Amino acid sequence: MNNQISYTSAFEELQTIVEEIEDGEISVDELSAKVKRAALLIKICKAKLSETESDVNKILEDLDNESLKEDE
């Protein structure tokens, strides 16, 4: 999986693909490749969201632990 692409770039490209499909701008010949690309972009977005959620939870946990230490 290509994690070099940013969440924003992946999401924007995914939106473009969805719009092209909805507008009928993609030929049947291109559809399979576009759907495969969209699936990859979704995986990238999900991975980045999960990573961000983990990071935020870790930060919040660290803050809670610091707060508990200060209360002692």
Protein backbone atom coordinates (compact mmCIF):
# COMPACT_ATOMS: atom_id res chain seq x y z
CA MET A 1 0.00 0.00 0.00
CA ASN A 2 1.27 3.46 -0.86
CA ASN A 3 1.33 5.39 2.40
CA GLN A 4 3.30 8.25 0.83
CA ILE A 5 0.11 9.90 -0.37
CA SER A 6 -1.52 12.22 2.15
CA TYR A 7 -5.02 11.61 3.46
CA THR A 8 -6.21 14.81 1.80
CA SER A 9 -4.78 13.85 -1.59
CA ALA A 10 -6.21 10.34 -1.39
CA PHE A 11 -9.62 11.65 -0.35
CA GLU A 12 -9.68 14.27 -3.12
CA GLU A 13 -8.70 11.70 -5.75
CA LEU A 14 -11.38 9.36 -4.43
CA GLN A 15 -13.98 12.13 -4.69
CA THR A 16 -12.92 12.76 -8.29
CA ILE A 17 -13.31 9.09 -9.18
CA VAL A 18 -16.75 8.96 -7.57
CA GLU A 19 -17.85 12.08 -9.46
CA GLU A 20 -16.57 10.63 -12.74
CA ILE A 21 -18.50 7.42 -12.13
CA GLU A 22 -21.67 9.26 -11.11
CA ASP A 23 -21.46 11.55 -14.14
CA GLY A 24 -20.89 8.63 -16.50
CA GLU A 25 -17.54 10.07 -17.56
CA ILE A 26 -15.73 6.73 -17.25
CA SER A 27 -15.90 4.21 -20.04
CA VAL A 28 -16.53 0.55 -19.32
CA ASP A 29 -12.90 -0.09 -20.28
CA GLU A 30 -11.66 2.31 -17.55
CA LEU A 31 -14.17 1.32 -14.88
CA SER A 32 -12.29 -1.67 -13.48
CA ALA A 33 -9.05 0.28 -13.10
CA LYS A 34 -10.87 3.21 -11.47
CA VAL A 35 -12.67 0.93 -9.01
CA LYS A 36 -9.37 -0.77 -8.10
CA ARG A 37 -7.75 2.64 -7.57
CA ALA A 38 -10.71 3.76 -5.45
CA ALA A 39 -10.38 0.63 -3.29
CA LEU A 40 -6.70 1.39 -2.72
CA LEU A 41 -7.48 5.01 -1.85
CA ILE A 42 -10.13 3.88 0.64
CA LYS A 43 -7.59 1.55 2.31
CA ILE A 44 -5.08 4.41 2.54
CA CYS A 45 -7.68 6.74 4.08
CA LYS A 46 -8.82 4.11 6.58
CA ALA A 47 -5.23 3.36 7.60
CA LYS A 48 -4.44 7.03 8.10
CA LEU A 49 -7.62 7.57 10.11
CA SER A 50 -6.82 4.57 12.32
CA GLU A 51 -3.27 5.79 12.81
CA THR A 52 -4.49 9.26 13.73
CA GLU A 53 -7.06 7.84 16.15
CA SER A 54 -4.36 5.77 17.84
CA ASP A 55 -2.06 8.79 18.12
CA VAL A 56 -4.82 10.95 19.62
CA ASN A 57 -5.81 8.23 22.08
CA LYS A 58 -2.17 7.82 23.14
CA ILE A 59 -1.81 11.57 23.68
CA LEU A 60 -5.02 11.69 25.72
CA GLU A 61 -3.91 8.70 27.78
CA ASP A 62 -0.55 10.36 28.46
CA LEU A 63 -2.32 13.55 29.52
CA ASP A 64 -4.59 11.59 31.86
CA ASN A 65 -1.59 9.83 33.39
CA GLU A 66 0.19 13.16 33.92
CA SER A 67 -2.94 14.58 35.53
CA LEU A 68 -3.17 11.61 37.89
CA LYS A 69 0.48 12.03 38.91
CA GLU A 70 -0.09 15.70 39.68
CA ASP A 71 -3.08 14.87 41.87
CA GLU A 72 -1.05 12.56 44.11
